[in-house]
Each structure stands twice: as C-alpha cells, then as structure tokens.
Amino acid sequence: QVQLVESGGGLVQPGGSLRLSCAASGFIFNIYAMAWYRQAPGKQRELVATITNNGVTNYVDSVKGRFTISRDNAKNTVYLRMNSLKPEDTAVYYCNRRYTELNWGQGTQVTVSS
C-alpha cells in the first residue's frame, strides 16, 4: 500500500526548531524526488523544499537558510529540519513525491507562537 506518514510537528516559540519526518512506503523511494509542502489557514498549499533522488536540494525563498531537507533512502524517509521558526511558518506540513504526486497524507501541524 502506497503511504506517506508525516510526523514531528508541534507548538514552538518563535526562534525555535523542529524536525519533521515523512515515512514513505509502497513505492521505490530512492528513485523519486521528494518534497515538503505546507498549507496555512485560508491559503493554498505551497512548495517549501525539494530533494532529488541523489540529494540535490532547493528551497522557496522564504525558508532559505533556515530549513534543511534531507533523506535517508535506507529508511525510506525524508526529513525537514526547521530552525529560526517564525509565526508565518505556522501551517500543516505535508510531504509528497515532487513530480508524480501520490494521495496526500494527513500532514503534521506546526504552530509557531509565543
């Protein structure tokens, strides 16, 4: 069964850090580019970061220098390390394949607030 399960979200103060994880199953993980997306209340889902199958990364300008995407192909898992979090980072975060999307998982809520 093809599945994406996100975890690691929570409530954090501005300036804090979180690491999100996405466990993938049901497909050959190491041949696909993967990505993290987020959707804030009342807004469309946006692409945050991508990583190719061989580790090349790209980020939306608003998170460059603060977020780091990585992957462990042995564990079929993609990560998003988020530092220096801001209130505007508050959203539900999702992972998916970058170019051939699967059904979306439930995501993980990240709330940045004092």
PDB file of N, CA and C in Angstrom:
ATOM      1  N   GLN A   1       0.847  -1.193   0.000  1.00  0.00           N
ATOM      2  CA  GLN A   1       0.000   0.000   0.000  1.00  0.00           C
ATOM      3  C   GLN A   1       0.880   1.240   0.000  1.00  0.00           C
ATOM      4  N   VAL A   2       0.609   2.143  -0.934  1.00  0.00           N
ATOM      5  CA  VAL A   2       1.371   3.381  -1.019  1.00  0.00           C
ATOM      6  C   VAL A   2       0.930   4.314   0.108  1.00  0.00           C
ATOM      7  N   GLN A   3       1.887   4.820   0.853  1.00  0.00           N
ATOM      8  CA  GLN A   3       1.538   5.634   2.010  1.00  0.00           C
ATOM      9  C   GLN A   3       2.641   6.636   2.318  1.00  0.00           C
ATOM     10  N   LEU A   4       2.228   7.812   2.777  1.00  0.00           N
ATOM     11  CA  LEU A   4       3.131   8.840   3.277  1.00  0.00           C
ATOM     12  C   LEU A   4       2.628   9.241   4.658  1.00  0.00           C
ATOM     13  N   VAL A   5       3.486   9.155   5.660  1.00  0.00           N
ATOM     14  CA  VAL A   5       3.076   9.471   7.027  1.00  0.00           C
ATOM     15  C   VAL A   5       4.020  10.509   7.600  1.00  0.00           C
ATOM     16  N   GLU A   6       3.477  11.699   7.823  1.00  0.00           N
ATOM     17  CA  GLU A   6       4.261  12.804   8.374  1.00  0.00           C
ATOM     18  C   GLU A   6       4.169  12.827   9.907  1.00  0.00           C
ATOM     19  N   SER A   7       5.233  13.274  10.537  1.00  0.00           N
ATOM     20  CA  SER A   7       5.254  13.395  11.986  1.00  0.00           C
ATOM     21  C   SER A   7       6.275  14.449  12.397  1.00  0.00           C
ATOM     22  N   GLY A   8       6.224  14.827  13.669  1.00  0.00           N
ATOM     23  CA  GLY A   8       7.235  15.725  14.218  1.00  0.00           C
ATOM     24  C   GLY A   8       6.790  17.150  14.442  1.00  0.00           C
ATOM     25  N   GLY A   9       5.572  17.481  14.072  1.00  0.00           N
ATOM     26  CA  GLY A   9       5.088  18.840  14.275  1.00  0.00           C
ATOM     27  C   GLY A   9       4.802  19.116  15.743  1.00  0.00           C
ATOM     28  N   GLY A  10       4.416  20.352  16.003  1.00  0.00           N
ATOM     29  CA  GLY A  10       4.092  20.736  17.370  1.00  0.00           C
ATOM     30  C   GLY A  10       4.015  22.231  17.526  1.00  0.00           C
ATOM     31  N   LEU A  11       3.921  22.652  18.783  1.00  0.00           N
ATOM     32  CA  LEU A  11       3.899  24.066  19.130  1.00  0.00           C
ATOM     33  C   LEU A  11       5.300  24.482  19.555  1.00  0.00           C
ATOM     34  N   VAL A  12       5.793  25.547  18.961  1.00  0.00           N
ATOM     35  CA  VAL A  12       7.148  26.017  19.256  1.00  0.00           C
ATOM     36  C   VAL A  12       7.150  27.543  19.294  1.00  0.00           C
ATOM     37  N   GLN A  13       8.011  28.090  20.116  1.00  0.00           N
ATOM     38  CA  GLN A  13       8.111  29.553  20.197  1.00  0.00           C
ATOM     39  C   GLN A  13       8.890  30.104  19.013  1.00  0.00           C
ATOM     40  N   PRO A  14       8.653  31.354  18.664  1.00  0.00           N
ATOM     41  CA  PRO A  14       9.464  31.979  17.604  1.00  0.00           C
ATOM     42  C   PRO A  14      10.951  31.845  17.905  1.00  0.00           C
ATOM     43  N   GLY A  15      11.706  31.501  16.875  1.00  0.00           N
ATOM     44  CA  GLY A  15      13.132  31.257  17.036  1.00  0.00           C
ATOM     45  C   GLY A  15      13.479  29.818  17.337  1.00  0.00           C
ATOM     46  N   GLY A  16      12.496  29.011  17.603  1.00  0.00           N
ATOM     47  CA  GLY A  16      12.710  27.611  17.935  1.00  0.00           C
ATOM     48  C   GLY A  16      12.935  26.739  16.709  1.00  0.00           C
ATOM     49  N   SER A  17      13.075  25.440  16.966  1.00  0.00           N
ATOM     50  CA  SER A  17      13.375  24.470  15.916  1.00  0.00           C
ATOM     51  C   SER A  17      12.485  23.243  16.029  1.00  0.00           C
ATOM     52  N   LEU A  18      12.283  22.608  14.906  1.00  0.00           N
ATOM     53  CA  LEU A  18      11.582  21.329  14.832  1.00  0.00           C
ATOM     54  C   LEU A  18      12.204  20.503  13.719  1.00  0.00           C
ATOM     55  N   ARG A  19      12.079  19.186  13.820  1.00  0.00           N
ATOM     56  CA  ARG A  19      12.446  18.306  12.716  1.00  0.00           C
ATOM     57  C   ARG A  19      11.246  17.445  12.364  1.00  0.00           C
ATOM     58  N   LEU A  20      10.807  17.590  11.133  1.00  0.00           N
ATOM     59  CA  LEU A  20       9.708  16.792  10.616  1.00  0.00           C
ATOM     60  C   LEU A  20      10.250  15.553   9.922  1.00  0.00           C
ATOM     61  N   SER A  21       9.474  14.481   9.986  1.00  0.00           N
ATOM     62  CA  SER A  21       9.815  13.240   9.298  1.00  0.00           C
ATOM     63  C   SER A  21       8.654  12.811   8.427  1.00  0.00           C
ATOM     64  N   CYS A  22       8.976  12.133   7.344  1.00  0.00           N
ATOM     65  CA  CYS A  22       7.957  11.577   6.453  1.00  0.00           C
ATOM     66  C   CYS A  22       8.394  10.167   6.079  1.00  0.00           C
ATOM     67  N   ALA A  23       7.637   9.205   6.554  1.00  0.00           N
ATOM     68  CA  ALA A  23       7.920   7.806   6.246  1.00  0.00           C
ATOM     69  C   ALA A  23       7.113   7.386   5.028  1.00  0.00           C
ATOM     70  N   ALA A  24       7.806   6.903   4.019  1.00  0.00           N
ATOM     71  CA  ALA A  24       7.168   6.505   2.770  1.00  0.00           C
ATOM     72  C   ALA A  24       7.164   4.990   2.642  1.00  0.00           C
ATOM     73  N   SER A  25       6.132   4.470   2.018  1.00  0.00           N
ATOM     74  CA  SER A  25       6.054   3.030   1.795  1.00  0.00           C
ATOM     75  C   SER A  25       5.233   2.755   0.543  1.00  0.00           C
ATOM     76  N   GLY A  26       5.451   1.586  -0.026  1.00  0.00           N
ATOM     77  CA  GLY A  26       4.644   1.147  -1.152  1.00  0.00           C
ATOM     78  C   GLY A  26       5.158   1.530  -2.514  1.00  0.00           C
ATOM     79  N   PHE A  27       6.319   2.188  -2.585  1.00  0.00           N
ATOM     80  CA  PHE A  27       6.925   2.511  -3.869  1.00  0.00           C
ATOM     81  C   PHE A  27       8.446   2.536  -3.693  1.00  0.00           C
ATOM     82  N   ILE A  28       9.160   2.574  -4.814  1.00  0.00           N
ATOM     83  CA  ILE A  28      10.624   2.545  -4.776  1.00  0.00           C
ATOM     84  C   ILE A  28      11.115   3.942  -4.453  1.00  0.00           C
ATOM     85  N   PHE A  29      11.296   4.198  -3.185  1.00  0.00           N
ATOM     86  CA  PHE A  29      11.559   5.544  -2.675  1.00  0.00           C
ATOM     87  C   PHE A  29      12.787   6.177  -3.308  1.00  0.00           C
ATOM     88  N   ASN A  30      13.862   5.416  -3.475  1.00  0.00           N
ATOM     89  CA  ASN A  30      15.134   6.053  -3.823  1.00  0.00           C
ATOM     90  C   ASN A  30      15.243   6.509  -5.269  1.00  0.00           C
ATOM     91  N   ILE A  31      14.208   6.320  -6.088  1.00  0.00           N
ATOM     92  CA  ILE A  31      14.284   6.811  -7.456  1.00  0.00           C
ATOM     93  C   ILE A  31      13.479   8.082  -7.666  1.00  0.00           C
ATOM     94  N   TYR A  32      12.806   8.539  -6.612  1.00  0.00           N
ATOM     95  CA  TYR A  32      11.926   9.697  -6.744  1.00  0.00           C
ATOM     96  C   TYR A  32      12.462  10.926  -6.027  1.00  0.00           C
ATOM     97  N   ALA A  33      12.301  12.095  -6.686  1.00  0.00           N
ATOM     98  CA  ALA A  33      12.472  13.343  -5.971  1.00  0.00           C
ATOM     99  C   ALA A  33      11.313  13.489  -4.991  1.00  0.00           C
ATOM    100  N   MET A  34      11.617  14.032  -3.828  1.00  0.00           N
ATOM    101  CA  MET A  34      10.614  14.223  -2.790  1.00  0.00           C
ATOM    102  C   MET A  34      10.530  15.697  -2.425  1.00  0.00           C
ATOM    103  N   ALA A  35       9.460  16.073  -1.773  1.00  0.00           N
ATOM    104  CA  ALA A  35       9.270  17.477  -1.423  1.00  0.00           C
ATOM    105  C   ALA A  35       8.445  17.620  -0.156  1.00  0.00           C
ATOM    106  N   TRP A  36       8.639  18.737   0.492  1.00  0.00           N
ATOM    107  CA  TRP A  36       7.786  19.169   1.594  1.00  0.00           C
ATOM    108  C   TRP A  36       6.950  20.352   1.115  1.00  0.00           C
ATOM    109  N   TYR A  37       5.698  20.338   1.515  1.00  0.00           N
ATOM    110  CA  TYR A  37       4.753  21.392   1.204  1.00  0.00           C
ATOM    111  C   TYR A  37       4.138  21.869   2.520  1.00  0.00           C
ATOM    112  N   ARG A  38       3.485  23.019   2.483  1.00  0.00           N
ATOM    113  CA  ARG A  38       2.743  23.468   3.655  1.00  0.00           C
ATOM    114  C   ARG A  38       1.494  24.220   3.228  1.00  0.00           C
ATOM    115  N   GLN A  39       0.515  24.194   4.111  1.00  0.00           N
ATOM    116  CA  GLN A  39      -0.724  24.911   3.858  1.00  0.00           C
ATOM    117  C   GLN A  39      -1.150  25.622   5.124  1.00  0.00           C
ATOM    118  N   ALA A  40      -1.137  26.938   5.053  1.00  0.00           N
ATOM    119  CA  ALA A  40      -1.581  27.755   6.174  1.00  0.00           C
ATOM    120  C   ALA A  40      -3.086  27.971   6.071  1.00  0.00           C
ATOM    121  N   PRO A  41      -3.731  28.296   7.182  1.00  0.00           N
ATOM    122  CA  PRO A  41      -5.183  28.516   7.152  1.00  0.00           C
ATOM    123  C   PRO A  41      -5.580  29.568   6.123  1.00  0.00           C
ATOM    124  N   GLY A  42      -6.542  29.228   5.283  1.00  0.00           N
ATOM    125  CA  GLY A  42      -7.039  30.165   4.289  1.00  0.00           C
ATOM    126  C   GLY A  42      -6.149  30.379   3.086  1.00  0.00           C
ATOM    127  N   LYS A  43      -5.066  29.600   2.996  1.00  0.00           N
ATOM    128  CA  LYS A  43      -4.131  29.770   1.880  1.00  0.00           C
ATOM    129  C   LYS A  43      -3.991  28.468   1.102  1.00  0.00           C
ATOM    130  N   GLN A  44      -3.471  28.596  -0.108  1.00  0.00           N
ATOM    131  CA  GLN A  44      -3.217  27.412  -0.920  1.00  0.00           C
ATOM    132  C   GLN A  44      -1.973  26.692  -0.424  1.00  0.00           C
ATOM    133  N   ARG A  45      -1.889  25.420  -0.707  1.00  0.00           N
ATOM    134  CA  ARG A  45      -0.704  24.646  -0.384  1.00  0.00           C
ATOM    135  C   ARG A  45       0.470  25.174  -1.198  1.00  0.00           C
ATOM    136  N   GLU A  46       1.621  25.324  -0.565  1.00  0.00           N
ATOM    137  CA  GLU A  46       2.804  25.819  -1.268  1.00  0.00           C
ATOM    138  C   GLU A  46       3.967  24.856  -1.100  1.00  0.00           C
ATOM    139  N   LEU A  47       4.795  24.839  -2.130  1.00  0.00           N
ATOM    140  CA  LEU A  47       6.013  24.036  -2.110  1.00  0.00           C
ATOM    141  C   LEU A  47       7.053  24.724  -1.235  1.00  0.00           C
ATOM    142  N   VAL A  48       7.660  23.980  -0.328  1.00  0.00           N
ATOM    143  CA  VAL A  48       8.642  24.554   0.597  1.00  0.00           C
ATOM    144  C   VAL A  48      10.061  24.142   0.238  1.00  0.00           C
ATOM    145  N   ALA A  49      10.264  22.855  -0.011  1.00  0.00           N
ATOM    146  CA  ALA A  49      11.617  22.355  -0.267  1.00  0.00           C
ATOM    147  C   ALA A  49      11.532  21.071  -1.077  1.00  0.00           C
ATOM    148  N   THR A  50      12.541  20.854  -1.907  1.00  0.00           N
ATOM    149  CA  THR A  50      12.611  19.635  -2.700  1.00  0.00           C
ATOM    150  C   THR A  50      13.986  18.998  -2.566  1.00  0.00           C
ATOM    151  N   ILE A  51      14.035  17.704  -2.773  1.00  0.00           N
ATOM    152  CA  ILE A  51      15.308  16.987  -2.802  1.00  0.00           C
ATOM    153  C   ILE A  51      15.216  15.923  -3.882  1.00  0.00           C
ATOM    154  N   THR A  52      16.216  15.910  -4.770  1.00  0.00           N
ATOM    155  CA  THR A  52      16.207  14.919  -5.834  1.00  0.00           C
ATOM    156  C   THR A  52      16.608  13.552  -5.276  1.00  0.00           C
ATOM    157  N   ASN A  53      16.545  12.554  -6.131  1.00  0.00           N
ATOM    158  CA  ASN A  53      16.880  11.213  -5.661  1.00  0.00           C
ATOM    159  C   ASN A  53      18.351  11.103  -5.278  1.00  0.00           C
ATOM    160  N   ASN A  54      19.183  12.006  -5.808  1.00  0.00           N
ATOM    161  CA  ASN A  54      20.599  11.952  -5.445  1.00  0.00           C
ATOM    162  C   ASN A  54      21.022  13.105  -4.540  1.00  0.00           C
ATOM    163  N   GLY A  55      20.044  13.773  -3.918  1.00  0.00           N
ATOM    164  CA  GLY A  55      20.361  14.700  -2.841  1.00  0.00           C
ATOM    165  C   GLY A  55      20.489  16.161  -3.181  1.00  0.00           C
ATOM    166  N   VAL A  56      20.165  16.562  -4.382  1.00  0.00           N
ATOM    167  CA  VAL A  56      20.208  17.985  -4.728  1.00  0.00           C
ATOM    168  C   VAL A  56      18.957  18.657  -4.154  1.00  0.00           C
ATOM    169  N   THR A  57      19.163  19.775  -3.475  1.00  0.00           N
ATOM    170  CA  THR A  57      18.056  20.415  -2.764  1.00  0.00           C
ATOM    171  C   THR A  57      17.711  21.782  -3.347  1.00  0.00           C
ATOM    172  N   ASN A  58      16.484  22.206  -3.081  1.00  0.00           N
ATOM    173  CA  ASN A  58      16.031  23.531  -3.491  1.00  0.00           C
ATOM    174  C   ASN A  58      14.975  23.989  -2.493  1.00  0.00           C
ATOM    175  N   TYR A  59      14.904  25.321  -2.296  1.00  0.00           N
ATOM    176  CA  TYR A  59      14.018  25.867  -1.267  1.00  0.00           C
ATOM    177  C   TYR A  59      13.274  27.089  -1.791  1.00  0.00           C
ATOM    178  N   VAL A  60      12.098  27.302  -1.266  1.00  0.00           N
ATOM    179  CA  VAL A  60      11.405  28.561  -1.512  1.00  0.00           C
ATOM    180  C   VAL A  60      12.169  29.657  -0.773  1.00  0.00           C
ATOM    181  N   ASP A  61      12.153  30.853  -1.317  1.00  0.00           N
ATOM    182  CA  ASP A  61      12.986  31.935  -0.772  1.00  0.00           C
ATOM    183  C   ASP A  61      12.710  32.193   0.709  1.00  0.00           C
ATOM    184  N   SER A  62      11.478  32.051   1.129  1.00  0.00           N
ATOM    185  CA  SER A  62      11.113  32.415   2.494  1.00  0.00           C
ATOM    186  C   SER A  62      11.727  31.501   3.557  1.00  0.00           C
ATOM    187  N   VAL A  63      12.245  30.339   3.160  1.00  0.00           N
ATOM    188  CA  VAL A  63      12.824  29.422   4.151  1.00  0.00           C
ATOM    189  C   VAL A  63      14.310  29.189   3.925  1.00  0.00           C
ATOM    190  N   LYS A  64      14.879  29.757   2.883  1.00  0.00           N
ATOM    191  CA  LYS A  64      16.301  29.552   2.601  1.00  0.00           C
ATOM    192  C   LYS A  64      17.157  30.002   3.784  1.00  0.00           C
ATOM    193  N   GLY A  65      18.101  29.170   4.138  1.00  0.00           N
ATOM    194  CA  GLY A  65      18.980  29.472   5.264  1.00  0.00           C
ATOM    195  C   GLY A  65      18.412  29.059   6.612  1.00  0.00           C
ATOM    196  N   ARG A  66      17.146  28.694   6.654  1.00  0.00           N
ATOM    197  CA  ARG A  66      16.517  28.286   7.920  1.00  0.00           C
ATOM    198  C   ARG A  66      16.090  26.820   7.909  1.00  0.00           C
ATOM    199  N   PHE A  67      15.639  26.319   6.768  1.00  0.00           N
ATOM    200  CA  PHE A  67      15.140  24.952   6.654  1.00  0.00           C
ATOM    201  C   PHE A  67      16.167  24.109   5.883  1.00  0.00           C
ATOM    202  N   THR A  68      16.229  22.834   6.240  1.00  0.00           N
ATOM    203  CA  THR A  68      17.085  21.893   5.528  1.00  0.00           C
ATOM    204  C   THR A  68      16.312  20.611   5.266  1.00  0.00           C
ATOM    205  N   ILE A  69      16.210  20.244   3.996  1.00  0.00           N
ATOM    206  CA  ILE A  69      15.571  18.982   3.628  1.00  0.00           C
ATOM    207  C   ILE A  69      16.662  17.928   3.437  1.00  0.00           C
ATOM    208  N   SER A  70      16.363  16.714   3.876  1.00  0.00           N
ATOM    209  CA  SER A  70      17.311  15.618   3.702  1.00  0.00           C
ATOM    210  C   SER A  70      16.524  14.326   3.547  1.00  0.00           C
ATOM    211  N   ARG A  71      17.227  13.271   3.180  1.00  0.00           N
ATOM    212  CA  ARG A  71      16.568  11.982   3.005  1.00  0.00           C
ATOM    213  C   ARG A  71      17.493  10.860   3.426  1.00  0.00           C
ATOM    214  N   ASP A  72      16.875   9.784   3.878  1.00  0.00           N
ATOM    215  CA  ASP A  72      17.590   8.551   4.205  1.00  0.00           C
ATOM    216  C   ASP A  72      16.942   7.455   3.374  1.00  0.00           C
ATOM    217  N   ASN A  73      17.572   7.104   2.266  1.00  0.00           N
ATOM    218  CA  ASN A  73      16.969   6.128   1.360  1.00  0.00           C
ATOM    219  C   ASN A  73      16.889   4.737   1.985  1.00  0.00           C
ATOM    220  N   ALA A  74      17.770   4.440   2.914  1.00  0.00           N
ATOM    221  CA  ALA A  74      17.725   3.146   3.591  1.00  0.00           C
ATOM    222  C   ALA A  74      16.492   3.018   4.482  1.00  0.00           C
ATOM    223  N   LYS A  75      16.000   4.161   4.949  1.00  0.00           N
ATOM    224  CA  LYS A  75      14.835   4.168   5.835  1.00  0.00           C
ATOM    225  C   LYS A  75      13.571   4.647   5.129  1.00  0.00           C
ATOM    226  N   ASN A  76      13.676   4.922   3.829  1.00  0.00           N
ATOM    227  CA  ASN A  76      12.522   5.432   3.069  1.00  0.00           C
ATOM    228  C   ASN A  76      11.889   6.633   3.763  1.00  0.00           C
ATOM    229  N   THR A  77      12.727   7.538   4.200  1.00  0.00           N
ATOM    230  CA  THR A  77      12.262   8.672   4.992  1.00  0.00           C
ATOM    231  C   THR A  77      12.879   9.973   4.481  1.00  0.00           C
ATOM    232  N   VAL A  78      12.071  11.013   4.455  1.00  0.00           N
ATOM    233  CA  VAL A  78      12.548  12.350   4.131  1.00  0.00           C
ATOM    234  C   VAL A  78      12.297  13.242   5.352  1.00  0.00           C
ATOM    235  N   TYR A  79      13.221  14.148   5.586  1.00  0.00           N
ATOM    236  CA  TYR A  79      13.183  14.998   6.778  1.00  0.00           C
ATOM    237  C   TYR A  79      13.128  16.469   6.382  1.00  0.00           C
ATOM    238  N   LEU A  80      12.639  17.291   7.314  1.00  0.00           N
ATOM    239  CA  LEU A  80      12.718  18.736   7.159  1.00  0.00           C
ATOM    240  C   LEU A  80      13.135  19.310   8.492  1.00  0.00           C
ATOM    241  N   ARG A  81      14.353  19.793   8.558  1.00  0.00           N
ATOM    242  CA  ARG A  81      14.847  20.450   9.755  1.00  0.00           C
ATOM    243  C   ARG A  81      14.504  21.936   9.630  1.00  0.00           C
ATOM    244  N   MET A  82      13.811  22.477  10.608  1.00  0.00           N
ATOM    245  CA  MET A  82      13.354  23.859  10.571  1.00  0.00           C
ATOM    246  C   MET A  82      13.943  24.607  11.758  1.00  0.00           C
ATOM    247  N   ASN A  83      14.757  25.590  11.481  1.00  0.00           N
ATOM    248  CA  ASN A  83      15.364  26.434  12.506  1.00  0.00           C
ATOM    249  C   ASN A  83      14.847  27.860  12.391  1.00  0.00           C
ATOM    250  N   SER A  84      15.059  28.632  13.445  1.00  0.00           N
ATOM    251  CA  SER A  84      14.667  30.052  13.445  1.00  0.00           C
ATOM    252  C   SER A  84      13.224  30.222  12.982  1.00  0.00           C
ATOM    253  N   LEU A  85      12.359  29.439  13.545  1.00  0.00           N
ATOM    254  CA  LEU A  85      10.962  29.439  13.109  1.00  0.00           C
ATOM    255  C   LEU A  85      10.283  30.773  13.408  1.00  0.00           C
ATOM    256  N   LYS A  86       9.397  31.145  12.504  1.00  0.00           N
ATOM    257  CA  LYS A  86       8.656  32.404  12.582  1.00  0.00           C
ATOM    258  C   LYS A  86       7.155  32.104  12.636  1.00  0.00           C
ATOM    259  N   PRO A  87       6.367  33.022  13.171  1.00  0.00           N
ATOM    260  CA  PRO A  87       4.910  32.787  13.190  1.00  0.00           C
ATOM    261  C   PRO A  87       4.341  32.494  11.808  1.00  0.00           C
ATOM    262  N   GLU A  88       4.917  33.088  10.777  1.00  0.00           N
ATOM    263  CA  GLU A  88       4.405  32.850   9.421  1.00  0.00           C
ATOM    264  C   GLU A  88       4.734  31.465   8.881  1.00  0.00           C
ATOM    265  N   ASP A  89       5.504  30.689   9.630  1.00  0.00           N
ATOM    266  CA  ASP A  89       5.748  29.296   9.252  1.00  0.00           C
ATOM    267  C   ASP A  89       4.626  28.382   9.734  1.00  0.00           C
ATOM    268  N   THR A  90       3.712  28.919  10.512  1.00  0.00           N
ATOM    269  CA  THR A  90       2.595  28.130  11.011  1.00  0.00           C
ATOM    270  C   THR A  90       1.765  27.579   9.859  1.00  0.00           C
ATOM    271  N   ALA A  91       1.591  26.259   9.833  1.00  0.00           N
ATOM    272  CA  ALA A  91       0.882  25.594   8.737  1.00  0.00           C
ATOM    273  C   ALA A  91       0.814  24.099   9.029  1.00  0.00           C
ATOM    274  N   VAL A  92       0.038  23.409   8.221  1.00  0.00           N
ATOM    275  CA  VAL A  92       0.119  21.950   8.175  1.00  0.00           C
ATOM    276  C   VAL A  92       1.152  21.603   7.110  1.00  0.00           C
ATOM    277  N   TYR A  93       2.102  20.775   7.485  1.00  0.00           N
ATOM    278  CA  TYR A  93       3.190  20.398   6.591  1.00  0.00           C
ATOM    279  C   TYR A  93       2.947  18.986   6.049  1.00  0.00           C
ATOM    280  N   TYR A  94       3.160  18.847   4.744  1.00  0.00           N
ATOM    281  CA  TYR A  94       2.954  17.585   4.048  1.00  0.00           C
ATOM    282  C   TYR A  94       4.204  17.228   3.256  1.00  0.00           C
ATOM    283  N   CYS A  95       4.411  15.944   3.057  1.00  0.00           N
ATOM    284  CA  CYS A  95       5.430  15.519   2.104  1.00  0.00           C
ATOM    285  C   CYS A  95       4.733  14.807   0.949  1.00  0.00           C
ATOM    286  N   ASN A  96       5.433  14.731  -0.163  1.00  0.00           N
ATOM    287  CA  ASN A  96       4.925  14.014  -1.319  1.00  0.00           C
ATOM    288  C   ASN A  96       6.055  13.846  -2.319  1.00  0.00           C
ATOM    289  N   ARG A  97       5.843  13.004  -3.286  1.00  0.00           N
ATOM    290  CA  ARG A  97       6.757  12.941  -4.418  1.00  0.00           C
ATOM    291  C   ARG A  97       6.653  14.267  -5.162  1.00  0.00           C
ATOM    292  N   ARG A  98       7.767  14.742  -5.694  1.00  0.00           N
ATOM    293  CA  ARG A  98       7.800  16.088  -6.254  1.00  0.00           C
ATOM    294  C   ARG A  98       7.041  16.184  -7.569  1.00  0.00           C
ATOM    295  N   TYR A  99       7.191  15.280  -8.474  1.00  0.00           N
ATOM    296  CA  TYR A  99       6.626  15.446  -9.820  1.00  0.00           C
ATOM    297  C   TYR A  99       5.505  14.467 -10.122  1.00  0.00           C
ATOM    298  N   THR A 100       5.408  13.401  -9.386  1.00  0.00           N
ATOM    299  CA  THR A 100       4.332  12.426  -9.606  1.00  0.00           C
ATOM    300  C   THR A 100       3.672  12.184  -8.267  1.00  0.00           C
ATOM    301  N   GLU A 101       2.807  13.132  -7.915  1.00  0.00           N
ATOM    302  CA  GLU A 101       2.259  13.149  -6.565  1.00  0.00           C
ATOM    303  C   GLU A 101       1.359  11.955  -6.276  1.00  0.00           C
ATOM    304  N   LEU A 102       1.432  11.530  -5.035  1.00  0.00           N
ATOM    305  CA  LEU A 102       0.558  10.495  -4.524  1.00  0.00           C
ATOM    306  C   LEU A 102      -0.601  11.151  -3.775  1.00  0.00           C
ATOM    307  N   ASN A 103      -1.522  10.339  -3.301  1.00  0.00           N
ATOM    308  CA  ASN A 103      -2.570  10.888  -2.429  1.00  0.00           C
ATOM    309  C   ASN A 103      -1.919  11.524  -1.202  1.00  0.00           C
ATOM    310  N   TRP A 104      -2.439  12.662  -0.820  1.00  0.00           N
ATOM    311  CA  TRP A 104      -1.847  13.388   0.298  1.00  0.00           C
ATOM    312  C   TRP A 104      -2.127  12.692   1.619  1.00  0.00           C
ATOM    313  N   GLY A 105      -1.122  12.731   2.505  1.00  0.00           N
ATOM    314  CA  GLY A 105      -1.313  12.217   3.849  1.00  0.00           C
ATOM    315  C   GLY A 105      -2.044  13.231   4.707  1.00  0.00           C
ATOM    316  N   GLN A 106      -2.065  12.972   6.001  1.00  0.00           N
ATOM    317  CA  GLN A 106      -2.765  13.867   6.920  1.00  0.00           C
ATOM    318  C   GLN A 106      -1.936  15.081   7.300  1.00  0.00           C
ATOM    319  N   GLY A 107      -0.654  15.028   7.049  1.00  0.00           N
ATOM    320  CA  GLY A 107       0.199  16.153   7.388  1.00  0.00           C
ATOM    321  C   GLY A 107       0.491  16.214   8.877  1.00  0.00           C
ATOM    322  N   THR A 108       1.338  17.175   9.229  1.00  0.00           N
ATOM    323  CA  THR A 108       1.657  17.400  10.635  1.00  0.00           C
ATOM    324  C   THR A 108       1.598  18.900  10.906  1.00  0.00           C
ATOM    325  N   GLN A 109       0.909  19.269  11.975  1.00  0.00           N
ATOM    326  CA  GLN A 109       0.677  20.674  12.288  1.00  0.00           C
ATOM    327  C   GLN A 109       1.906  21.284  12.947  1.00  0.00           C
ATOM    328  N   VAL A 110       2.326  22.428  12.414  1.00  0.00           N
ATOM    329  CA  VAL A 110       3.390  23.222  13.026  1.00  0.00           C
ATOM    330  C   VAL A 110       2.792  24.568  13.406  1.00  0.00           C
ATOM    331  N   THR A 111       2.890  24.909  14.675  1.00  0.00           N
ATOM    332  CA  THR A 111       2.386  26.179  15.164  1.00  0.00           C
ATOM    333  C   THR A 111       3.521  26.925  15.844  1.00  0.00           C
ATOM    334  N   VAL A 112       3.795  28.123  15.351  1.00  0.00           N
ATOM    335  CA  VAL A 112       4.867  28.953  15.907  1.00  0.00           C
ATOM    336  C   VAL A 112       4.206  30.143  16.590  1.00  0.00           C
ATOM    337  N   SER A 113       4.288  30.151  17.893  1.00  0.00           N
ATOM    338  CA  SER A 113       3.597  31.183  18.661  1.00  0.00           C
ATOM    339  C   SER A 113       4.219  31.307  20.032  1.00  0.00           C
ATOM    340  N   SER A 114       4.195  32.525  20.561  1.00  0.00           N
ATOM    341  CA  SER A 114       4.674  32.745  21.923  1.00  0.00           C
ATOM    342  C   SER A 114       3.513  32.670  22.909  1.00  0.00           C
TER     343      SER A 114
END
